[in-house]
PDB file of N, CA and C in Angstrom:
ATOM      1  N   MET A   1       1.093  -1.300  -0.045  1.00  0.00           N
ATOM      2  CA  MET A   1      -0.115  -0.072  -0.192  1.00  0.00           C
ATOM      3  C   MET A   1       0.968   1.490  -0.085  1.00  0.00           C
ATOM      4  N   LYS A   2       0.875   2.358  -0.684  1.00  0.00           N
ATOM      5  CA  LYS A   2       1.401   3.247  -1.006  1.00  0.00           C
ATOM      6  C   LYS A   2       1.056   4.177   0.145  1.00  0.00           C
ATOM      7  N   LYS A   3       2.118   5.060   0.970  1.00  0.00           N
ATOM      8  CA  LYS A   3       1.792   5.922   1.465  1.00  0.00           C
ATOM      9  C   LYS A   3       1.941   7.605   1.205  1.00  0.00           C
ATOM     10  N   LYS A   4       1.314   8.417   2.329  1.00  0.00           N
ATOM     11  CA  LYS A   4       0.609   9.230   1.122  1.00  0.00           C
ATOM     12  C   LYS A   4       1.863  10.546   1.365  1.00  0.00           C
ATOM     13  N   ILE A   5       1.788  11.468   0.958  1.00  0.00           N
ATOM     14  CA  ILE A   5       2.979  11.766   1.150  1.00  0.00           C
ATOM     15  C   ILE A   5       3.165  12.883   2.218  1.00  0.00           C
ATOM     16  N   PRO A   6       3.752  12.651   3.201  1.00  0.00           N
ATOM     17  CA  PRO A   6       3.792  13.624   4.803  1.00  0.00           C
ATOM     18  C   PRO A   6       3.693  15.639   4.585  1.00  0.00           C
ATOM     19  N   LYS A   7       3.033  15.651   5.384  1.00  0.00           N
ATOM     20  CA  LYS A   7       2.380  17.267   5.615  1.00  0.00           C
ATOM     21  C   LYS A   7       3.988  17.732   5.348  1.00  0.00           C
ATOM     22  N   THR A   8       4.689  17.432   6.693  1.00  0.00           N
ATOM     23  CA  THR A   8       6.461  17.991   6.327  1.00  0.00           C
ATOM     24  C   THR A   8       7.157  18.299   5.090  1.00  0.00           C
ATOM     25  N   ILE A   9       7.188  16.900   4.520  1.00  0.00           N
ATOM     26  CA  ILE A   9       7.105  17.439   3.216  1.00  0.00           C
ATOM     27  C   ILE A   9       5.941  17.903   1.504  1.00  0.00           C
ATOM     28  N   LYS A  10       5.249  18.325   1.701  1.00  0.00           N
ATOM     29  CA  LYS A  10       4.672  19.258   1.010  1.00  0.00           C
ATOM     30  C   LYS A  10       4.818  20.170   1.666  1.00  0.00           C
ATOM     31  N   THR A  11       6.000  21.158   2.373  1.00  0.00           N
ATOM     32  CA  THR A  11       6.000  22.074   3.361  1.00  0.00           C
ATOM     33  C   THR A  11       7.346  22.363   3.000  1.00  0.00           C
ATOM     34  N   ILE A  12       8.593  21.204   3.068  1.00  0.00           N
ATOM     35  CA  ILE A  12       9.978  21.260   2.326  1.00  0.00           C
ATOM     36  C   ILE A  12       9.729  21.571   0.440  1.00  0.00           C
ATOM     37  N   LEU A  13       8.476  21.167   0.272  1.00  0.00           N
ATOM     38  CA  LEU A  13       8.530  20.868  -1.469  1.00  0.00           C
ATOM     39  C   LEU A  13       7.454  21.737  -2.338  1.00  0.00           C
ATOM     40  N   THR A  14       7.391  22.903  -1.673  1.00  0.00           N
ATOM     41  CA  THR A  14       6.585  24.688  -1.631  1.00  0.00           C
ATOM     42  C   THR A  14       7.972  25.426  -1.899  1.00  0.00           C
ATOM     43  N   ASP A  15       9.012  24.689  -0.628  1.00  0.00           N
ATOM     44  CA  ASP A  15       9.653  26.346  -0.378  1.00  0.00           C
ATOM     45  C   ASP A  15      10.926  26.197  -1.511  1.00  0.00           C
ATOM     46  N   VAL A  16      10.832  24.149  -1.622  1.00  0.00           N
ATOM     47  CA  VAL A  16      11.713  24.515  -2.913  1.00  0.00           C
ATOM     48  C   VAL A  16      11.344  24.961  -4.194  1.00  0.00           C
ATOM     49  N   LYS A  17       9.753  25.004  -4.293  1.00  0.00           N
ATOM     50  CA  LYS A  17       9.712  25.567  -5.392  1.00  0.00           C
ATOM     51  C   LYS A  17       9.870  26.935  -5.684  1.00  0.00           C
ATOM     52  N   LYS A  18       9.335  27.919  -4.313  1.00  0.00           N
ATOM     53  CA  LYS A  18       9.248  28.828  -4.699  1.00  0.00           C
ATOM     54  C   LYS A  18      10.760  29.603  -4.538  1.00  0.00           C
ATOM     55  N   SER A  19      12.331  28.280  -4.113  1.00  0.00           N
ATOM     56  CA  SER A  19      13.016  28.764  -4.131  1.00  0.00           C
ATOM     57  C   SER A  19      13.926  28.945  -5.552  1.00  0.00           C
ATOM     58  N   LEU A  20      13.441  28.243  -6.149  1.00  0.00           N
ATOM     59  CA  LEU A  20      13.605  27.380  -7.290  1.00  0.00           C
ATOM     60  C   LEU A  20      13.381  28.782  -8.159  1.00  0.00           C
ATOM     61  N   LYS A  21      12.138  29.151  -8.518  1.00  0.00           N
ATOM     62  CA  LYS A  21      11.134  29.864  -9.237  1.00  0.00           C
ATOM     63  C   LYS A  21      12.491  31.334  -9.258  1.00  0.00           C
ATOM     64  N   ASN A  22      12.367  31.970  -7.723  1.00  0.00           N
ATOM     65  CA  ASN A  22      13.172  32.631  -7.565  1.00  0.00           C
ATOM     66  C   ASN A  22      14.969  33.082  -8.099  1.00  0.00           C
ATOM     67  N   ILE A  23      15.248  31.365  -8.230  1.00  0.00           N
ATOM     68  CA  ILE A  23      16.470  31.156  -9.217  1.00  0.00           C
ATOM     69  C   ILE A  23      16.247  31.599 -10.412  1.00  0.00           C
ATOM     70  N   TYR A  24      15.684  30.626 -11.793  1.00  0.00           N
ATOM     71  CA  TYR A  24      15.721  30.293 -12.273  1.00  0.00           C
ATOM     72  C   TYR A  24      15.094  31.433 -12.751  1.00  0.00           C
ATOM     73  N   GLY A  25      13.510  31.807 -12.469  1.00  0.00           N
ATOM     74  CA  GLY A  25      12.439  32.540 -13.326  1.00  0.00           C
ATOM     75  C   GLY A  25      11.699  31.343 -14.156  1.00  0.00           C
ATOM     76  N   ASP A  26      11.557  32.268 -15.184  1.00  0.00           N
ATOM     77  CA  ASP A  26      10.753  31.852 -16.789  1.00  0.00           C
ATOM     78  C   ASP A  26      11.926  30.472 -17.023  1.00  0.00           C
ATOM     79  N   LYS A  27      12.675  30.721 -16.698  1.00  0.00           N
ATOM     80  CA  LYS A  27      13.883  29.307 -16.664  1.00  0.00           C
ATOM     81  C   LYS A  27      13.282  28.312 -16.839  1.00  0.00           C
ATOM     82  N   LEU A  28      12.751  28.377 -15.683  1.00  0.00           N
ATOM     83  CA  LEU A  28      12.502  26.938 -14.778  1.00  0.00           C
ATOM     84  C   LEU A  28      10.679  26.227 -15.503  1.00  0.00           C
ATOM     85  N   LYS A  29      11.144  24.965 -16.008  1.00  0.00           N
ATOM     86  CA  LYS A  29      10.053  24.635 -16.726  1.00  0.00           C
ATOM     87  C   LYS A  29       8.781  23.290 -16.197  1.00  0.00           C
ATOM     88  N   ASP A  30       9.446  23.059 -14.638  1.00  0.00           N
ATOM     89  CA  ASP A  30       8.722  21.769 -14.073  1.00  0.00           C
ATOM     90  C   ASP A  30       9.755  21.117 -12.848  1.00  0.00           C
ATOM     91  N   ILE A  31       9.118  20.682 -12.156  1.00  0.00           N
ATOM     92  CA  ILE A  31      10.532  19.442 -11.055  1.00  0.00           C
ATOM     93  C   ILE A  31       9.179  19.431 -10.730  1.00  0.00           C
ATOM     94  N   ILE A  32       9.828  17.580 -11.270  1.00  0.00           N
ATOM     95  CA  ILE A  32       9.834  16.511 -10.557  1.00  0.00           C
ATOM     96  C   ILE A  32      10.358  16.002  -9.789  1.00  0.00           C
ATOM     97  N   LEU A  33       9.298  15.280  -8.953  1.00  0.00           N
ATOM     98  CA  LEU A  33       9.410  13.945  -7.630  1.00  0.00           C
ATOM     99  C   LEU A  33      10.007  12.586  -8.081  1.00  0.00           C
ATOM    100  N   TYR A  34      10.526  12.727  -7.525  1.00  0.00           N
ATOM    101  CA  TYR A  34      10.320  10.754  -8.752  1.00  0.00           C
ATOM    102  C   TYR A  34      10.847   9.929  -7.258  1.00  0.00           C
ATOM    103  N   GLY A  35      11.279   8.966  -7.096  1.00  0.00           N
ATOM    104  CA  GLY A  35      12.074   7.781  -6.249  1.00  0.00           C
ATOM    105  C   GLY A  35      11.059   7.706  -4.881  1.00  0.00           C
ATOM    106  N   SER A  36      11.301   8.209  -3.745  1.00  0.00           N
ATOM    107  CA  SER A  36      10.800   6.661  -2.751  1.00  0.00           C
ATOM    108  C   SER A  36       9.498   7.452  -2.335  1.00  0.00           C
ATOM    109  N   TYR A  37       9.575   9.315  -2.022  1.00  0.00           N
ATOM    110  CA  TYR A  37       8.835   9.232  -1.515  1.00  0.00           C
ATOM    111  C   TYR A  37       7.073   8.952  -3.400  1.00  0.00           C
ATOM    112  N   ALA A  38       7.999   9.359  -4.348  1.00  0.00           N
ATOM    113  CA  ALA A  38       6.348   9.990  -5.476  1.00  0.00           C
ATOM    114  C   ALA A  38       6.560   7.967  -5.627  1.00  0.00           C
ATOM    115  N   ARG A  39       6.804   6.801  -5.356  1.00  0.00           N
ATOM    116  CA  ARG A  39       6.662   5.811  -4.877  1.00  0.00           C
ATOM    117  C   ARG A  39       5.400   5.828  -4.076  1.00  0.00           C
ATOM    118  N   GLY A  40       5.840   6.407  -2.757  1.00  0.00           N
ATOM    119  CA  GLY A  40       5.232   5.734  -1.379  1.00  0.00           C
ATOM    120  C   GLY A  40       5.747   4.672  -0.650  1.00  0.00           C
ATOM    121  N   ASP A  41       6.922   4.860  -0.900  1.00  0.00           N
ATOM    122  CA  ASP A  41       7.717   3.543  -0.382  1.00  0.00           C
ATOM    123  C   ASP A  41       8.184   4.377   0.449  1.00  0.00           C
ATOM    124  N   PHE A  42       8.916   5.720   1.105  1.00  0.00           N
ATOM    125  CA  PHE A  42       9.624   5.863   1.849  1.00  0.00           C
ATOM    126  C   PHE A  42      10.338   5.729   3.345  1.00  0.00           C
ATOM    127  N   THR A  43      11.024   5.240   3.542  1.00  0.00           N
ATOM    128  CA  THR A  43      11.019   5.860   4.640  1.00  0.00           C
ATOM    129  C   THR A  43      11.244   7.188   6.098  1.00  0.00           C
ATOM    130  N   GLU A  44      12.032   6.441   6.945  1.00  0.00           N
ATOM    131  CA  GLU A  44      12.172   7.965   7.972  1.00  0.00           C
ATOM    132  C   GLU A  44      13.039   8.189   7.323  1.00  0.00           C
ATOM    133  N   GLY A  45      13.944   9.621   6.934  1.00  0.00           N
ATOM    134  CA  GLY A  45      15.271   9.305   6.328  1.00  0.00           C
ATOM    135  C   GLY A  45      15.885   9.238   5.077  1.00  0.00           C
ATOM    136  N   SER A  46      14.551   9.308   4.520  1.00  0.00           N
ATOM    137  CA  SER A  46      14.476   8.679   3.221  1.00  0.00           C
ATOM    138  C   SER A  46      14.755  10.483   2.455  1.00  0.00           C
ATOM    139  N   ASP A  47      15.355  10.419   1.513  1.00  0.00           N
ATOM    140  CA  ASP A  47      16.167  11.670   0.778  1.00  0.00           C
ATOM    141  C   ASP A  47      14.613  11.519  -0.321  1.00  0.00           C
ATOM    142  N   ILE A  48      14.172  12.906   0.405  1.00  0.00           N
ATOM    143  CA  ILE A  48      13.826  13.521  -1.817  1.00  0.00           C
ATOM    144  C   ILE A  48      14.172  14.114  -2.997  1.00  0.00           C
ATOM    145  N   ASP A  49      13.869  13.382  -3.370  1.00  0.00           N
ATOM    146  CA  ASP A  49      14.499  13.154  -4.991  1.00  0.00           C
ATOM    147  C   ASP A  49      13.528  14.077  -6.134  1.00  0.00           C
ATOM    148  N   LEU A  50      14.755  14.837  -6.454  1.00  0.00           N
ATOM    149  CA  LEU A  50      14.337  15.562  -7.213  1.00  0.00           C
ATOM    150  C   LEU A  50      14.740  16.297  -8.636  1.00  0.00           C
ATOM    151  N   ILE A  51      13.784  16.087 -10.005  1.00  0.00           N
ATOM    152  CA  ILE A  51      14.195  16.555 -11.472  1.00  0.00           C
ATOM    153  C   ILE A  51      14.362  18.196 -11.428  1.00  0.00           C
ATOM    154  N   ILE A  52      14.792  18.805 -11.637  1.00  0.00           N
ATOM    155  CA  ILE A  52      14.579  20.178 -12.221  1.00  0.00           C
ATOM    156  C   ILE A  52      14.606  20.419 -13.453  1.00  0.00           C
ATOM    157  N   LEU A  53      13.580  21.058 -14.642  1.00  0.00           N
ATOM    158  CA  LEU A  53      13.622  21.075 -15.852  1.00  0.00           C
ATOM    159  C   LEU A  53      13.643  22.423 -16.254  1.00  0.00           C
ATOM    160  N   LEU A  54      14.526  22.572 -16.956  1.00  0.00           N
ATOM    161  CA  LEU A  54      15.203  23.707 -17.009  1.00  0.00           C
ATOM    162  C   LEU A  54      15.521  24.049 -18.920  1.00  0.00           C
ATOM    163  N   LYS A  55      14.620  25.291 -19.635  1.00  0.00           N
ATOM    164  CA  LYS A  55      14.766  25.970 -20.783  1.00  0.00           C
ATOM    165  C   LYS A  55      16.145  25.344 -21.503  1.00  0.00           C
ATOM    166  N   ASP A  56      17.293  25.289 -20.726  1.00  0.00           N
ATOM    167  CA  ASP A  56      18.266  25.638 -21.174  1.00  0.00           C
ATOM    168  C   ASP A  56      19.743  25.528 -19.845  1.00  0.00           C
ATOM    169  N   ILE A  57      20.446  24.883 -19.806  1.00  0.00           N
ATOM    170  CA  ILE A  57      21.930  24.288 -19.487  1.00  0.00           C
ATOM    171  C   ILE A  57      23.141  24.204 -20.205  1.00  0.00           C
ATOM    172  N   LYS A  58      23.777  25.203 -19.436  1.00  0.00           N
ATOM    173  CA  LYS A  58      25.160  25.341 -20.828  1.00  0.00           C
ATOM    174  C   LYS A  58      26.002  23.974 -20.099  1.00  0.00           C
ATOM    175  N   GLU A  59      26.107  24.982 -18.683  1.00  0.00           N
ATOM    176  CA  GLU A  59      27.498  23.715 -18.186  1.00  0.00           C
ATOM    177  C   GLU A  59      26.224  22.773 -16.430  1.00  0.00           C
ATOM    178  N   PRO A  60      26.348  21.454 -16.612  1.00  0.00           N
ATOM    179  CA  PRO A  60      25.391  21.032 -15.282  1.00  0.00           C
ATOM    180  C   PRO A  60      26.249  21.686 -14.273  1.00  0.00           C
ATOM    181  N   ALA A  61      27.718  21.537 -13.792  1.00  0.00           N
ATOM    182  CA  ALA A  61      28.179  21.948 -12.975  1.00  0.00           C
ATOM    183  C   ALA A  61      27.577  23.180 -12.221  1.00  0.00           C
ATOM    184  N   ALA A  62      27.637  24.407 -13.204  1.00  0.00           N
ATOM    185  CA  ALA A  62      27.233  26.276 -13.288  1.00  0.00           C
ATOM    186  C   ALA A  62      25.593  26.150 -12.820  1.00  0.00           C
ATOM    187  N   GLU A  63      24.513  25.380 -13.365  1.00  0.00           N
ATOM    188  CA  GLU A  63      23.619  24.971 -12.124  1.00  0.00           C
ATOM    189  C   GLU A  63      23.669  24.580 -10.971  1.00  0.00           C
ATOM    190  N   ARG A  64      23.929  23.674 -10.691  1.00  0.00           N
ATOM    191  CA  ARG A  64      23.895  23.433  -9.484  1.00  0.00           C
ATOM    192  C   ARG A  64      24.520  24.543  -8.283  1.00  0.00           C
ATOM    193  N   LYS A  65      25.580  24.692  -8.761  1.00  0.00           N
ATOM    194  CA  LYS A  65      26.154  26.454  -8.021  1.00  0.00           C
ATOM    195  C   LYS A  65      25.484  27.157  -7.473  1.00  0.00           C
ATOM    196  N   LYS A  66      24.785  27.505  -8.530  1.00  0.00           N
ATOM    197  CA  LYS A  66      22.682  28.885  -8.909  1.00  0.00           C
ATOM    198  C   LYS A  66      21.929  27.831  -7.389  1.00  0.00           C
ATOM    199  N   TYR A  67      21.939  26.373  -6.829  1.00  0.00           N
ATOM    200  CA  TYR A  67      20.806  26.345  -6.260  1.00  0.00           C
ATOM    201  C   TYR A  67      22.142  26.124  -4.936  1.00  0.00           C
ATOM    202  N   PHE A  68      22.683  25.991  -4.444  1.00  0.00           N
ATOM    203  CA  PHE A  68      23.218  25.063  -3.850  1.00  0.00           C
ATOM    204  C   PHE A  68      23.054  25.424  -2.467  1.00  0.00           C
ATOM    205  N   ASP A  69      22.947  27.298  -2.459  1.00  0.00           N
ATOM    206  CA  ASP A  69      23.279  27.163  -1.045  1.00  0.00           C
ATOM    207  C   ASP A  69      21.273  26.974  -0.956  1.00  0.00           C
ATOM    208  N   ALA A  70      20.328  27.837  -1.175  1.00  0.00           N
ATOM    209  CA  ALA A  70      19.299  28.490  -0.972  1.00  0.00           C
ATOM    210  C   ALA A  70      18.748  26.149  -0.835  1.00  0.00           C
ATOM    211  N   ILE A  71      19.321  25.124  -1.329  1.00  0.00           N
ATOM    212  CA  ILE A  71      18.853  23.885  -0.975  1.00  0.00           C
ATOM    213  C   ILE A  71      19.702  23.726  -0.156  1.00  0.00           C
ATOM    214  N   TRP A  72      20.738  23.658   0.292  1.00  0.00           N
ATOM    215  CA  TRP A  72      21.288  23.868   1.716  1.00  0.00           C
ATOM    216  C   TRP A  72      21.370  23.986   2.607  1.00  0.00           C
ATOM    217  N   GLU A  73      20.387  25.254   2.668  1.00  0.00           N
ATOM    218  CA  GLU A  73      19.408  26.013   4.164  1.00  0.00           C
ATOM    219  C   GLU A  73      18.255  25.689   3.881  1.00  0.00           C
ATOM    220  N   LEU A  74      17.299  24.892   3.348  1.00  0.00           N
ATOM    221  CA  LEU A  74      16.305  23.922   3.535  1.00  0.00           C
ATOM    222  C   LEU A  74      17.306  22.330   3.598  1.00  0.00           C
ATOM    223  N   ASP A  75      17.968  22.095   3.600  1.00  0.00           N
ATOM    224  CA  ASP A  75      18.608  21.062   3.871  1.00  0.00           C
ATOM    225  C   ASP A  75      17.798  20.935   5.712  1.00  0.00           C
ATOM    226  N   LEU A  76      18.506  21.640   5.875  1.00  0.00           N
ATOM    227  CA  LEU A  76      18.862  22.473   7.224  1.00  0.00           C
ATOM    228  C   LEU A  76      17.950  22.725   8.509  1.00  0.00           C
ATOM    229  N   LYS A  77      17.259  24.017   7.571  1.00  0.00           N
ATOM    230  CA  LYS A  77      15.685  23.989   8.387  1.00  0.00           C
ATOM    231  C   LYS A  77      14.742  23.387   8.613  1.00  0.00           C
ATOM    232  N   TYR A  78      14.485  21.581   8.140  1.00  0.00           N
ATOM    233  CA  TYR A  78      14.175  21.396   7.634  1.00  0.00           C
ATOM    234  C   TYR A  78      14.688  19.789   7.806  1.00  0.00           C
ATOM    235  N   ASP A  79      15.838  19.153   8.270  1.00  0.00           N
ATOM    236  CA  ASP A  79      16.926  18.406   8.696  1.00  0.00           C
ATOM    237  C   ASP A  79      16.320  17.108   7.462  1.00  0.00           C
ATOM    238  N   ALA A  80      16.327  18.070   6.025  1.00  0.00           N
ATOM    239  CA  ALA A  80      16.439  16.361   5.331  1.00  0.00           C
ATOM    240  C   ALA A  80      17.093  16.208   3.924  1.00  0.00           C
ATOM    241  N   VAL A  81      17.828  14.998   3.594  1.00  0.00           N
ATOM    242  CA  VAL A  81      18.440  15.325   2.174  1.00  0.00           C
ATOM    243  C   VAL A  81      17.232  15.100   0.521  1.00  0.00           C
ATOM    244  N   ILE A  82      17.933  16.845   0.722  1.00  0.00           N
ATOM    245  CA  ILE A  82      16.997  17.005  -0.876  1.00  0.00           C
ATOM    246  C   ILE A  82      18.367  17.197  -2.250  1.00  0.00           C
ATOM    247  N   SER A  83      17.871  16.482  -3.192  1.00  0.00           N
ATOM    248  CA  SER A  83      18.967  15.836  -4.477  1.00  0.00           C
ATOM    249  C   SER A  83      17.931  16.127  -4.706  1.00  0.00           C
ATOM    250  N   ILE A  84      18.500  16.259  -5.300  1.00  0.00           N
ATOM    251  CA  ILE A  84      18.124  17.950  -7.262  1.00  0.00           C
ATOM    252  C   ILE A  84      19.378  17.405  -8.342  1.00  0.00           C
ATOM    253  N   MET A  85      18.833  17.080  -9.491  1.00  0.00           N
ATOM    254  CA  MET A  85      19.247  16.806 -10.585  1.00  0.00           C
ATOM    255  C   MET A  85      18.499  17.842 -11.490  1.00  0.00           C
ATOM    256  N   PRO A  86      19.620  18.957 -12.230  1.00  0.00           N
ATOM    257  CA  PRO A  86      18.966  19.804 -13.638  1.00  0.00           C
ATOM    258  C   PRO A  86      19.009  18.828 -14.015  1.00  0.00           C
ATOM    259  N   LEU A  87      18.248  19.255 -15.831  1.00  0.00           N
ATOM    260  CA  LEU A  87      18.306  19.005 -16.812  1.00  0.00           C
ATOM    261  C   LEU A  87      17.865  19.512 -17.647  1.00  0.00           C
ATOM    262  N   LYS A  88      18.063  19.435 -19.194  1.00  0.00           N
ATOM    263  CA  LYS A  88      17.050  20.414 -20.142  1.00  0.00           C
ATOM    264  C   LYS A  88      15.643  19.782 -20.345  1.00  0.00           C
ATOM    265  N   GLU A  89      15.162  21.130 -20.560  1.00  0.00           N
ATOM    266  CA  GLU A  89      13.631  20.056 -20.837  1.00  0.00           C
ATOM    267  C   GLU A  89      13.720  18.807 -22.339  1.00  0.00           C
ATOM    268  N   ASP A  90      14.212  19.665 -23.235  1.00  0.00           N
ATOM    269  CA  ASP A  90      14.071  18.739 -24.488  1.00  0.00           C
ATOM    270  C   ASP A  90      15.069  17.030 -24.292  1.00  0.00           C
ATOM    271  N   GLU A  91      15.835  17.086 -23.418  1.00  0.00           N
ATOM    272  CA  GLU A  91      16.252  16.037 -23.326  1.00  0.00           C
ATOM    273  C   GLU A  91      15.624  14.996 -22.190  1.00  0.00           C
ATOM    274  N   TYR A  92      15.085  15.407 -21.156  1.00  0.00           N
ATOM    275  CA  TYR A  92      14.338  15.017 -20.611  1.00  0.00           C
ATOM    276  C   TYR A  92      13.330  14.194 -21.521  1.00  0.00           C
ATOM    277  N   ARG A  93      12.548  14.647 -21.772  1.00  0.00           N
ATOM    278  CA  ARG A  93      11.879  14.169 -22.681  1.00  0.00           C
ATOM    279  C   ARG A  93      12.052  13.281 -24.200  1.00  0.00           C
ATOM    280  N   THR A  94      13.478  12.805 -24.449  1.00  0.00           N
ATOM    281  CA  THR A  94      14.507  12.801 -25.395  1.00  0.00           C
ATOM    282  C   THR A  94      15.193  11.099 -25.257  1.00  0.00           C
ATOM    283  N   ARG A  95      15.782  12.086 -24.041  1.00  0.00           N
ATOM    284  CA  ARG A  95      16.677  10.904 -24.249  1.00  0.00           C
ATOM    285  C   ARG A  95      16.702   9.482 -22.878  1.00  0.00           C
ATOM    286  N   LYS A  96      17.377   8.478 -23.031  1.00  0.00           N
ATOM    287  CA  LYS A  96      16.612   7.073 -21.971  1.00  0.00           C
ATOM    288  C   LYS A  96      17.358   6.436 -21.382  1.00  0.00           C
ATOM    289  N   LEU A  97      17.669   7.899 -20.434  1.00  0.00           N
ATOM    290  CA  LEU A  97      19.059   7.364 -19.836  1.00  0.00           C
ATOM    291  C   LEU A  97      18.443   6.817 -18.460  1.00  0.00           C
ATOM    292  N   PRO A  98      18.412   5.380 -17.441  1.00  0.00           N
ATOM    293  CA  PRO A  98      17.662   4.870 -16.432  1.00  0.00           C
ATOM    294  C   PRO A  98      17.302   5.691 -15.595  1.00  0.00           C
ATOM    295  N   LEU A  99      17.618   6.695 -15.093  1.00  0.00           N
ATOM    296  CA  LEU A  99      16.633   7.617 -14.132  1.00  0.00           C
ATOM    297  C   LEU A  99      16.041   9.040 -15.041  1.00  0.00           C
ATOM    298  N   ILE A 100      15.954   8.989 -15.376  1.00  0.00           N
ATOM    299  CA  ILE A 100      15.054   9.656 -16.427  1.00  0.00           C
ATOM    300  C   ILE A 100      13.885   8.501 -17.205  1.00  0.00           C
ATOM    301  N   LEU A 101      14.334   7.955 -17.460  1.00  0.00           N
ATOM    302  CA  LEU A 101      12.525   6.507 -17.805  1.00  0.00           C
ATOM    303  C   LEU A 101      12.358   6.299 -16.070  1.00  0.00           C
ATOM    304  N   ASN A 102      12.682   6.052 -14.710  1.00  0.00           N
ATOM    305  CA  ASN A 102      12.458   5.817 -13.416  1.00  0.00           C
ATOM    306  C   ASN A 102      11.802   7.204 -13.137  1.00  0.00           C
ATOM    307  N   ALA A 103      12.066   8.606 -13.498  1.00  0.00           N
ATOM    308  CA  ALA A 103      10.420   9.903 -13.269  1.00  0.00           C
ATOM    309  C   ALA A 103      10.290   9.421 -13.779  1.00  0.00           C
ATOM    310  N   LYS A 104      10.002   9.208 -15.604  1.00  0.00           N
ATOM    311  CA  LYS A 104       8.650   9.147 -16.357  1.00  0.00           C
ATOM    312  C   LYS A 104       8.025   7.661 -15.401  1.00  0.00           C
ATOM    313  N   ARG A 105       8.617   7.148 -15.047  1.00  0.00           N
ATOM    314  CA  ARG A 105       7.608   5.564 -14.062  1.00  0.00           C
ATOM    315  C   ARG A 105       6.499   6.012 -12.988  1.00  0.00           C
ATOM    316  N   GLU A 106       7.475   6.697 -13.013  1.00  0.00           N
ATOM    317  CA  GLU A 106       6.949   7.040 -11.790  1.00  0.00           C
ATOM    318  C   GLU A 106       7.397   8.274 -10.703  1.00  0.00           C
ATOM    319  N   GLY A 107       7.043   9.437 -11.460  1.00  0.00           N
ATOM    320  CA  GLY A 107       7.511  11.075 -10.861  1.00  0.00           C
ATOM    321  C   GLY A 107       6.436  11.401 -11.383  1.00  0.00           C
ATOM    322  N   PHE A 108       6.288  12.467 -11.015  1.00  0.00           N
ATOM    323  CA  PHE A 108       5.662  13.354 -11.177  1.00  0.00           C
ATOM    324  C   PHE A 108       5.655  15.404 -10.693  1.00  0.00           C
ATOM    325  N   SER A 109       5.134  15.836 -11.734  1.00  0.00           N
ATOM    326  CA  SER A 109       5.340  17.271 -10.908  1.00  0.00           C
ATOM    327  C   SER A 109       4.724  17.965 -10.032  1.00  0.00           C
ATOM    328  N   ILE A 110       5.016  19.223  -9.100  1.00  0.00           N
ATOM    329  CA  ILE A 110       4.363  19.409  -8.059  1.00  0.00           C
ATOM    330  C   ILE A 110       4.741  21.109  -8.044  1.00  0.00           C
TER     331      ILE A 110
END
């Protein structure tokens, strides 16, 4: 039986979404929750797995630097581990990497 996403995690996701919108604006196309919270088989201490879909990415490492501090603050605030993978929107639609296939199968937009 799938578990519902806890209220605390929903609050974290809302804060993550606000932070990423502030950082990226219109460049942020979607945020996908995947992994144990999307599947409903999470346990205490499970990390929060997210893919952020961006209009364009020049350098993935540079994108990580853009959101690192904001997400780190949320990690500390909520005592949570938030794992983010930035991807180009068209890369998510067309590539067949296992991570992307799993996210498409089990994930959903937040």
